[in-house]
Amino acid sequence: MKKLLLSAFIVSAPFTTMTATAAGGHGPAGCGLGTEVIFRNADEWHEHVLAATTNASASQTFAMTSGTLGCEDANGPLKNGIALFLDNNMEQLAADTATGQGETLAALSELVGVNAADSAAFNATLKANFDQIFASAEVTSGQAYDALVSVMMKDIVLSKYVNRA
C-alpha cells in the first residue's frame, strides 16, 4: 500500500507543479527561453517538459530578473531594457566602466534612471566594482547584470534606483 501511495504521489507531483505554474499565466513550463523561443507553440506534454527543462537550464533567473523571455510580469529589479542593452554593449561598457566615464556608461546610467546629481556616484561605484561586475573575460551579460544589481543594492545612493517600476 505504501508503494502504491508513493507511486501516486510521484506521478501526480509534476501535474501539481504544472497547474500552479499555469495559474501564473505562463503555461505548464513557466516563462523563459524554452517557452518563448525553442518550444513557442508547445501543445504536447513532452514539449512542455522539454521547455521547462530548457527554462531551468538556460538562466530562467536572468529572464525573471530582467523581465525578458515572457517573464515581464516578474518585475525584475532593473527591467527597463537593461538586459538587452548589456547583451549588445558588453565590451564597450566594460571599457567605459574601467575608466569610470564614456558614452556607454552614460547610456546605462540613463536606462537605470540615475539622476544627474547621482551620475558621478554611479560612474565611481561601477568603476570601483569593475572586478565584481566583469569578473572575467568570459562573463556573460546575465552575470554582469546580476552583479550590477548586487553592486547597486549595496550602495546607499544607488540602491534607490533598483526595483523602480
N, C-alpha and C. Protein backbone atom coordinates (compact mmCIF):
# COMPACT_ATOMS: atom_id res chain seq x y z
N MET A 1 0.83 -1.20 0.00
CA MET A 1 0.00 0.00 0.00
C MET A 1 0.87 1.26 0.00
N LYS A 2 1.95 1.24 0.79
CA LYS A 2 2.84 2.40 0.85
C LYS A 2 3.46 2.68 -0.52
N LYS A 3 3.83 1.61 -1.21
CA LYS A 3 4.42 1.78 -2.54
C LYS A 3 3.41 2.37 -3.50
N LEU A 4 2.17 1.98 -3.39
CA LEU A 4 1.12 2.50 -4.25
C LEU A 4 0.90 3.98 -4.00
N LEU A 5 0.86 4.38 -2.73
CA LEU A 5 0.68 5.79 -2.39
C LEU A 5 1.88 6.62 -2.84
N LEU A 6 3.07 6.10 -2.62
CA LEU A 6 4.27 6.80 -3.05
C LEU A 6 4.29 6.96 -4.56
N SER A 7 3.92 5.91 -5.27
CA SER A 7 3.87 5.98 -6.74
C SER A 7 2.86 7.01 -7.20
N ALA A 8 1.70 7.06 -6.58
CA ALA A 8 0.67 8.04 -6.94
C ALA A 8 1.16 9.46 -6.70
N PHE A 9 1.87 9.66 -5.59
CA PHE A 9 2.41 10.99 -5.30
C PHE A 9 3.45 11.40 -6.32
N ILE A 10 4.36 10.51 -6.64
CA ILE A 10 5.43 10.82 -7.59
C ILE A 10 4.85 11.13 -8.97
N VAL A 11 3.84 10.37 -9.38
CA VAL A 11 3.23 10.60 -10.68
C VAL A 11 2.45 11.90 -10.71
N SER A 12 1.80 12.26 -9.62
CA SER A 12 0.97 13.48 -9.61
C SER A 12 1.76 14.74 -9.32
N ALA A 13 2.93 14.65 -8.75
CA ALA A 13 3.72 15.84 -8.39
C ALA A 13 3.98 16.76 -9.58
N PRO A 14 4.40 16.24 -10.73
CA PRO A 14 4.64 17.16 -11.86
C PRO A 14 3.39 17.90 -12.30
N PHE A 15 2.23 17.24 -12.22
CA PHE A 15 0.99 17.89 -12.64
C PHE A 15 0.58 18.99 -11.67
N THR A 16 0.87 18.79 -10.38
CA THR A 16 0.60 19.82 -9.39
C THR A 16 1.46 21.04 -9.69
N THR A 17 2.72 20.82 -10.00
CA THR A 17 3.61 21.91 -10.34
C THR A 17 3.15 22.61 -11.61
N MET A 18 2.75 21.82 -12.62
CA MET A 18 2.31 22.41 -13.88
C MET A 18 1.07 23.27 -13.68
N THR A 19 0.14 22.79 -12.87
CA THR A 19 -1.08 23.54 -12.63
C THR A 19 -0.76 24.85 -11.91
N ALA A 20 0.12 24.80 -10.93
CA ALA A 20 0.48 26.01 -10.20
C ALA A 20 1.17 27.01 -11.12
N THR A 21 2.04 26.53 -11.97
CA THR A 21 2.73 27.42 -12.89
C THR A 21 1.76 27.98 -13.92
N ALA A 22 0.86 27.15 -14.38
CA ALA A 22 -0.10 27.60 -15.38
C ALA A 22 -0.97 28.72 -14.82
N ALA A 23 -1.22 28.67 -13.52
CA ALA A 23 -2.03 29.71 -12.91
C ALA A 23 -1.35 31.07 -13.01
N GLY A 24 -0.01 31.08 -13.11
CA GLY A 24 0.73 32.33 -13.24
C GLY A 24 0.62 32.92 -14.63
N GLY A 25 -0.06 32.26 -15.53
CA GLY A 25 -0.26 32.76 -16.88
C GLY A 25 0.84 32.40 -17.85
N HIS A 26 1.74 31.51 -17.46
CA HIS A 26 2.87 31.16 -18.31
C HIS A 26 2.74 29.78 -18.92
N GLY A 27 1.69 29.07 -18.64
CA GLY A 27 1.57 27.72 -19.13
C GLY A 27 2.33 26.76 -18.25
N PRO A 28 2.29 25.48 -18.56
CA PRO A 28 2.89 24.49 -17.68
C PRO A 28 4.40 24.59 -17.55
N ALA A 29 5.09 25.13 -18.54
CA ALA A 29 6.55 25.18 -18.49
C ALA A 29 7.07 26.45 -17.85
N GLY A 30 6.24 27.42 -17.55
CA GLY A 30 6.70 28.67 -16.98
C GLY A 30 7.27 29.57 -18.06
N CYS A 31 7.89 30.65 -17.65
CA CYS A 31 8.48 31.58 -18.60
C CYS A 31 9.96 31.26 -18.78
N GLY A 32 10.52 31.74 -19.88
CA GLY A 32 11.93 31.54 -20.13
C GLY A 32 12.23 31.20 -21.57
N LEU A 33 13.48 30.89 -21.83
CA LEU A 33 13.97 30.62 -23.17
C LEU A 33 13.23 29.45 -23.82
N GLY A 34 13.01 28.38 -23.08
CA GLY A 34 12.34 27.21 -23.64
C GLY A 34 10.92 27.50 -24.10
N THR A 35 10.20 28.30 -23.33
CA THR A 35 8.81 28.62 -23.66
C THR A 35 8.72 29.66 -24.76
N GLU A 36 9.54 30.68 -24.72
CA GLU A 36 9.42 31.80 -25.64
C GLU A 36 10.11 31.61 -26.98
N VAL A 37 11.14 30.77 -27.03
CA VAL A 37 11.91 30.66 -28.27
C VAL A 37 11.88 29.24 -28.85
N ILE A 38 12.30 28.28 -28.07
CA ILE A 38 12.50 26.94 -28.60
C ILE A 38 11.19 26.18 -28.78
N PHE A 39 10.32 26.20 -27.77
CA PHE A 39 9.05 25.49 -27.83
C PHE A 39 7.90 26.48 -27.74
N ARG A 40 7.89 27.45 -28.62
CA ARG A 40 6.93 28.56 -28.58
C ARG A 40 5.47 28.10 -28.65
N ASN A 41 5.16 27.14 -29.48
CA ASN A 41 3.78 26.67 -29.64
C ASN A 41 3.61 25.25 -29.12
N ALA A 42 4.17 24.97 -27.97
CA ALA A 42 4.10 23.63 -27.40
C ALA A 42 2.66 23.27 -27.06
N ASP A 43 2.27 22.06 -27.47
CA ASP A 43 0.94 21.60 -27.10
C ASP A 43 0.95 20.13 -26.67
N GLU A 44 2.07 19.49 -26.73
CA GLU A 44 2.22 18.11 -26.29
C GLU A 44 2.94 18.10 -24.95
N TRP A 45 2.65 17.12 -24.12
CA TRP A 45 3.24 17.07 -22.79
C TRP A 45 4.77 17.03 -22.84
N HIS A 46 5.33 16.28 -23.79
CA HIS A 46 6.79 16.18 -23.86
C HIS A 46 7.43 17.51 -24.28
N GLU A 47 6.72 18.31 -25.07
CA GLU A 47 7.24 19.64 -25.43
C GLU A 47 7.27 20.54 -24.20
N HIS A 48 6.25 20.45 -23.36
CA HIS A 48 6.23 21.25 -22.12
C HIS A 48 7.36 20.83 -21.18
N VAL A 49 7.61 19.52 -21.10
CA VAL A 49 8.70 19.03 -20.26
C VAL A 49 10.03 19.55 -20.77
N LEU A 50 10.24 19.48 -22.09
CA LEU A 50 11.49 19.97 -22.67
C LEU A 50 11.62 21.49 -22.51
N ALA A 51 10.51 22.21 -22.66
CA ALA A 51 10.53 23.66 -22.47
C ALA A 51 10.88 24.00 -21.02
N ALA A 52 10.29 23.30 -20.07
CA ALA A 52 10.58 23.54 -18.65
C ALA A 52 12.03 23.22 -18.33
N THR A 53 12.54 22.14 -18.92
CA THR A 53 13.95 21.78 -18.71
C THR A 53 14.87 22.85 -19.29
N THR A 54 14.54 23.33 -20.47
CA THR A 54 15.34 24.40 -21.09
C THR A 54 15.26 25.67 -20.25
N ASN A 55 14.07 26.01 -19.78
CA ASN A 55 13.91 27.20 -18.95
C ASN A 55 14.79 27.12 -17.71
N ALA A 56 14.79 25.95 -17.08
CA ALA A 56 15.55 25.78 -15.84
C ALA A 56 17.05 25.81 -16.09
N SER A 57 17.48 25.31 -17.25
CA SER A 57 18.92 25.24 -17.50
C SER A 57 19.46 26.44 -18.28
N ALA A 58 18.61 27.32 -18.75
CA ALA A 58 19.06 28.45 -19.57
C ALA A 58 18.83 29.78 -18.85
N SER A 59 19.16 29.81 -17.59
CA SER A 59 19.14 31.04 -16.82
C SER A 59 17.76 31.69 -16.76
N GLN A 60 16.78 30.94 -16.27
CA GLN A 60 15.45 31.48 -16.09
C GLN A 60 15.48 32.62 -15.07
N THR A 61 16.41 32.52 -14.13
CA THR A 61 16.56 33.59 -13.14
C THR A 61 16.87 34.91 -13.83
N PHE A 62 17.75 34.86 -14.83
CA PHE A 62 18.07 36.07 -15.59
C PHE A 62 16.83 36.61 -16.28
N ALA A 63 16.02 35.73 -16.87
CA ALA A 63 14.80 36.17 -17.56
C ALA A 63 13.84 36.82 -16.59
N MET A 64 13.70 36.26 -15.40
CA MET A 64 12.78 36.84 -14.41
C MET A 64 13.33 38.16 -13.87
N THR A 65 14.64 38.20 -13.63
CA THR A 65 15.26 39.42 -13.11
C THR A 65 15.19 40.56 -14.10
N SER A 66 15.42 40.22 -15.37
CA SER A 66 15.45 41.27 -16.38
C SER A 66 14.08 41.55 -17.00
N GLY A 67 13.10 40.69 -16.71
CA GLY A 67 11.78 40.88 -17.28
C GLY A 67 11.73 40.61 -18.77
N THR A 68 12.47 39.59 -19.21
CA THR A 68 12.50 39.23 -20.62
C THR A 68 12.01 37.80 -20.80
N LEU A 69 11.92 37.33 -22.04
CA LEU A 69 11.58 35.95 -22.37
C LEU A 69 10.26 35.50 -21.75
N GLY A 70 9.28 36.38 -21.76
CA GLY A 70 7.97 36.03 -21.24
C GLY A 70 7.81 36.24 -19.75
N CYS A 71 8.86 36.69 -19.09
CA CYS A 71 8.83 36.89 -17.64
C CYS A 71 8.63 38.36 -17.29
N GLU A 72 8.01 39.11 -18.20
CA GLU A 72 7.85 40.54 -17.99
C GLU A 72 7.08 40.87 -16.71
N ASP A 73 6.15 40.00 -16.34
CA ASP A 73 5.37 40.27 -15.13
C ASP A 73 6.14 39.96 -13.86
N ALA A 74 7.37 39.46 -13.99
CA ALA A 74 8.18 39.18 -12.81
C ALA A 74 8.69 40.47 -12.17
N ASN A 75 8.64 41.58 -12.90
CA ASN A 75 9.07 42.89 -12.39
C ASN A 75 10.46 42.83 -11.77
N GLY A 76 11.42 42.44 -12.58
CA GLY A 76 12.80 42.37 -12.12
C GLY A 76 13.30 43.72 -11.64
N PRO A 77 14.39 43.74 -10.88
CA PRO A 77 14.85 44.97 -10.26
C PRO A 77 15.27 46.06 -11.24
N LEU A 78 15.77 45.70 -12.40
CA LEU A 78 16.16 46.69 -13.40
C LEU A 78 15.58 46.25 -14.74
N LYS A 79 14.30 46.34 -14.90
CA LYS A 79 13.63 45.72 -16.04
C LYS A 79 13.52 46.59 -17.27
N ASN A 80 14.00 47.79 -17.26
CA ASN A 80 13.76 48.74 -18.35
C ASN A 80 14.70 48.58 -19.54
N GLY A 81 14.87 47.39 -20.05
CA GLY A 81 15.69 47.16 -21.23
C GLY A 81 17.17 47.06 -20.94
N ILE A 82 17.55 46.99 -19.68
CA ILE A 82 18.96 46.96 -19.33
C ILE A 82 19.61 45.65 -19.76
N ALA A 83 18.89 44.55 -19.64
CA ALA A 83 19.45 43.25 -20.04
C ALA A 83 19.80 43.25 -21.52
N LEU A 84 18.90 43.76 -22.33
CA LEU A 84 19.16 43.85 -23.77
C LEU A 84 20.33 44.79 -24.06
N PHE A 85 20.38 45.89 -23.35
CA PHE A 85 21.48 46.84 -23.50
C PHE A 85 22.82 46.15 -23.19
N LEU A 86 22.86 45.38 -22.10
CA LEU A 86 24.09 44.67 -21.76
C LEU A 86 24.46 43.65 -22.83
N ASP A 87 23.45 42.94 -23.34
CA ASP A 87 23.71 41.96 -24.40
C ASP A 87 24.42 42.60 -25.59
N ASN A 88 24.01 43.81 -25.94
CA ASN A 88 24.51 44.47 -27.14
C ASN A 88 25.75 45.34 -26.92
N ASN A 89 26.10 45.62 -25.67
CA ASN A 89 27.17 46.60 -25.42
C ASN A 89 28.19 46.16 -24.38
N MET A 90 28.36 44.87 -24.17
CA MET A 90 29.23 44.38 -23.10
C MET A 90 30.67 44.90 -23.19
N GLU A 91 31.28 44.78 -24.36
CA GLU A 91 32.69 45.16 -24.49
C GLU A 91 32.90 46.65 -24.24
N GLN A 92 32.10 47.48 -24.87
CA GLN A 92 32.27 48.93 -24.70
C GLN A 92 31.91 49.35 -23.28
N LEU A 93 30.90 48.71 -22.69
CA LEU A 93 30.53 49.04 -21.32
C LEU A 93 31.65 48.67 -20.36
N ALA A 94 32.28 47.54 -20.59
CA ALA A 94 33.42 47.14 -19.75
C ALA A 94 34.55 48.16 -19.85
N ALA A 95 34.82 48.60 -21.06
CA ALA A 95 35.88 49.60 -21.25
C ALA A 95 35.53 50.92 -20.54
N ASP A 96 34.29 51.37 -20.69
CA ASP A 96 33.85 52.61 -20.05
C ASP A 96 33.83 52.48 -18.53
N THR A 97 33.40 51.32 -18.05
CA THR A 97 33.34 51.10 -16.60
C THR A 97 34.75 51.11 -16.01
N ALA A 98 35.71 50.55 -16.72
CA ALA A 98 37.09 50.53 -16.24
C ALA A 98 37.65 51.94 -16.06
N THR A 99 37.23 52.86 -16.91
CA THR A 99 37.72 54.25 -16.81
C THR A 99 36.79 55.13 -15.98
N GLY A 100 35.55 54.68 -15.77
CA GLY A 100 34.60 55.47 -15.00
C GLY A 100 33.92 56.57 -15.79
N GLN A 101 34.02 56.49 -17.11
CA GLN A 101 33.38 57.51 -17.96
C GLN A 101 33.21 56.96 -19.37
N GLY A 102 32.33 57.61 -20.14
CA GLY A 102 32.13 57.20 -21.52
C GLY A 102 30.67 57.17 -21.89
N GLU A 103 30.42 57.14 -23.19
CA GLU A 103 29.05 57.19 -23.70
C GLU A 103 28.22 55.98 -23.30
N THR A 104 28.82 54.80 -23.32
CA THR A 104 28.07 53.59 -22.98
C THR A 104 27.69 53.58 -21.51
N LEU A 105 28.60 54.01 -20.67
CA LEU A 105 28.31 54.10 -19.23
C LEU A 105 27.23 55.16 -18.98
N ALA A 106 27.29 56.26 -19.71
CA ALA A 106 26.27 57.31 -19.58
C ALA A 106 24.90 56.79 -20.05
N ALA A 107 24.90 55.99 -21.12
CA ALA A 107 23.64 55.42 -21.61
C ALA A 107 23.06 54.45 -20.60
N LEU A 108 23.90 53.63 -19.98
CA LEU A 108 23.43 52.71 -18.94
C LEU A 108 22.85 53.49 -17.77
N SER A 109 23.53 54.55 -17.37
CA SER A 109 23.04 55.40 -16.28
C SER A 109 21.66 55.94 -16.59
N GLU A 110 21.46 56.35 -17.83
CA GLU A 110 20.16 56.88 -18.25
C GLU A 110 19.09 55.79 -18.24
N LEU A 111 19.44 54.59 -18.72
CA LEU A 111 18.49 53.48 -18.72
C LEU A 111 18.06 53.11 -17.30
N VAL A 112 19.02 53.13 -16.39
CA VAL A 112 18.72 52.81 -15.00
C VAL A 112 17.86 53.90 -14.38
N GLY A 113 17.96 55.11 -14.92
CA GLY A 113 17.17 56.23 -14.39
C GLY A 113 17.89 57.04 -13.35
N VAL A 114 19.21 57.00 -13.39
CA VAL A 114 20.02 57.73 -12.41
C VAL A 114 19.90 59.23 -12.66
N ASN A 115 19.60 59.98 -11.60
CA ASN A 115 19.52 61.44 -11.69
C ASN A 115 20.90 62.02 -11.99
N ALA A 116 20.92 63.18 -12.61
CA ALA A 116 22.19 63.84 -12.94
C ALA A 116 23.04 64.05 -11.70
N ALA A 117 22.40 64.32 -10.57
CA ALA A 117 23.13 64.55 -9.32
C ALA A 117 23.84 63.29 -8.84
N ASP A 118 23.33 62.12 -9.20
CA ASP A 118 23.93 60.86 -8.75
C ASP A 118 24.78 60.19 -9.82
N SER A 119 24.89 60.82 -10.98
CA SER A 119 25.62 60.23 -12.09
C SER A 119 27.09 59.97 -11.76
N ALA A 120 27.74 60.92 -11.11
CA ALA A 120 29.15 60.74 -10.75
C ALA A 120 29.31 59.59 -9.76
N ALA A 121 28.38 59.46 -8.82
CA ALA A 121 28.43 58.35 -7.86
C ALA A 121 28.22 57.01 -8.57
N PHE A 122 27.32 56.99 -9.56
CA PHE A 122 27.07 55.78 -10.34
C PHE A 122 28.35 55.35 -11.06
N ASN A 123 28.97 56.30 -11.77
CA ASN A 123 30.21 56.00 -12.50
C ASN A 123 31.32 55.52 -11.56
N ALA A 124 31.49 56.23 -10.45
CA ALA A 124 32.56 55.89 -9.50
C ALA A 124 32.31 54.52 -8.86
N THR A 125 31.08 54.23 -8.52
CA THR A 125 30.75 52.95 -7.88
C THR A 125 30.98 51.80 -8.85
N LEU A 126 30.55 51.97 -10.09
CA LEU A 126 30.77 50.90 -11.07
C LEU A 126 32.26 50.71 -11.35
N LYS A 127 33.00 51.81 -11.42
CA LYS A 127 34.44 51.71 -11.65
C LYS A 127 35.11 50.98 -10.48
N ALA A 128 34.72 51.32 -9.25
CA ALA A 128 35.31 50.70 -8.06
C ALA A 128 34.97 49.21 -7.97
N ASN A 129 33.86 48.82 -8.57
CA ASN A 129 33.42 47.43 -8.52
C ASN A 129 33.56 46.72 -9.87
N PHE A 130 34.43 47.23 -10.71
CA PHE A 130 34.65 46.65 -12.04
C PHE A 130 34.91 45.15 -11.97
N ASP A 131 35.80 44.74 -11.04
CA ASP A 131 36.18 43.33 -10.94
C ASP A 131 35.01 42.44 -10.54
N GLN A 132 34.04 42.99 -9.84
CA GLN A 132 32.86 42.21 -9.47
C GLN A 132 31.88 42.12 -10.63
N ILE A 133 31.69 43.21 -11.35
CA ILE A 133 30.73 43.23 -12.46
C ILE A 133 31.26 42.46 -13.66
N PHE A 134 32.51 42.67 -13.98
CA PHE A 134 33.14 41.98 -15.11
C PHE A 134 34.21 41.05 -14.55
N ALA A 135 33.76 39.98 -13.89
CA ALA A 135 34.63 39.08 -13.14
C ALA A 135 35.68 38.38 -13.99
N SER A 136 35.41 38.19 -15.27
CA SER A 136 36.38 37.55 -16.15
C SER A 136 36.09 37.99 -17.59
N ALA A 137 36.98 37.61 -18.47
CA ALA A 137 36.79 37.93 -19.89
C ALA A 137 35.61 37.16 -20.47
N GLU A 138 35.23 36.07 -19.83
CA GLU A 138 34.12 35.24 -20.31
C GLU A 138 32.79 35.56 -19.63
N VAL A 139 32.73 36.63 -18.87
CA VAL A 139 31.48 36.96 -18.17
C VAL A 139 30.34 37.16 -19.17
N THR A 140 29.19 36.61 -18.84
CA THR A 140 28.02 36.77 -19.71
C THR A 140 27.27 38.04 -19.32
N SER A 141 26.40 38.48 -20.18
CA SER A 141 25.61 39.67 -19.87
C SER A 141 24.70 39.40 -18.67
N GLY A 142 24.23 38.18 -18.53
CA GLY A 142 23.40 37.82 -17.38
C GLY A 142 24.16 37.92 -16.07
N GLN A 143 25.40 37.45 -16.07
CA GLN A 143 26.23 37.54 -14.88
C GLN A 143 26.57 38.99 -14.56
N ALA A 144 26.87 39.77 -15.59
CA ALA A 144 27.17 41.19 -15.39
C ALA A 144 25.94 41.91 -14.84
N TYR A 145 24.77 41.56 -15.36
CA TYR A 145 23.52 42.16 -14.90
C TYR A 145 23.30 41.87 -13.42
N ASP A 146 23.43 40.60 -13.04
CA ASP A 146 23.23 40.21 -11.64
C ASP A 146 24.23 40.93 -10.74
N ALA A 147 25.47 41.04 -11.18
CA ALA A 147 26.49 41.74 -10.39
C ALA A 147 26.18 43.23 -10.29
N LEU A 148 25.70 43.82 -11.37
CA LEU A 148 25.32 45.24 -11.37
C LEU A 148 24.23 45.50 -10.34
N VAL A 149 23.21 44.65 -10.34
CA VAL A 149 22.12 44.78 -9.36
C VAL A 149 22.68 44.66 -7.95
N SER A 150 23.55 43.69 -7.74
CA SER A 150 24.15 43.48 -6.42
C SER A 150 24.96 44.69 -5.96
N VAL A 151 25.77 45.22 -6.85
CA VAL A 151 26.59 46.40 -6.53
C VAL A 151 25.69 47.59 -6.19
N MET A 152 24.67 47.79 -6.98
CA MET A 152 23.78 48.93 -6.74
C MET A 152 23.00 48.77 -5.43
N MET A 153 22.59 47.56 -5.11
CA MET A 153 21.85 47.32 -3.88
C MET A 153 22.69 47.61 -2.64
N LYS A 154 23.99 47.43 -2.73
CA LYS A 154 24.88 47.63 -1.59
C LYS A 154 25.25 49.10 -1.40
N ASP A 155 24.96 49.93 -2.38
CA ASP A 155 25.32 51.35 -2.32
C ASP A 155 24.13 52.17 -1.84
N ILE A 156 24.35 53.01 -0.86
CA ILE A 156 23.27 53.81 -0.28
C ILE A 156 22.63 54.72 -1.32
N VAL A 157 23.44 55.37 -2.14
CA VAL A 157 22.92 56.30 -3.13
C VAL A 157 22.22 55.57 -4.27
N LEU A 158 22.80 54.47 -4.74
CA LEU A 158 22.29 53.80 -5.94
C LEU A 158 21.18 52.79 -5.67
N SER A 159 21.04 52.35 -4.44
CA SER A 159 20.03 51.33 -4.15
C SER A 159 18.60 51.83 -4.45
N LYS A 160 18.41 53.13 -4.41
CA LYS A 160 17.06 53.67 -4.68
C LYS A 160 16.66 53.50 -6.15
N TYR A 161 17.62 53.21 -7.03
CA TYR A 161 17.31 53.04 -8.45
C TYR A 161 16.97 51.59 -8.80
N VAL A 162 17.19 50.68 -7.89
CA VAL A 162 16.85 49.29 -8.11
C VAL A 162 15.40 49.09 -7.68
N ASN A 163 14.68 48.26 -8.42
CA ASN A 163 13.26 47.97 -8.19
C ASN A 163 12.32 49.10 -8.58
N ARG A 164 12.77 50.02 -9.42
CA ARG A 164 11.87 51.05 -9.92
C ARG A 164 10.94 50.44 -10.95
N ALA A 165 9.74 50.92 -10.99
CA ALA A 165 8.76 50.38 -11.95
C ALA A 165 9.00 50.94 -13.33
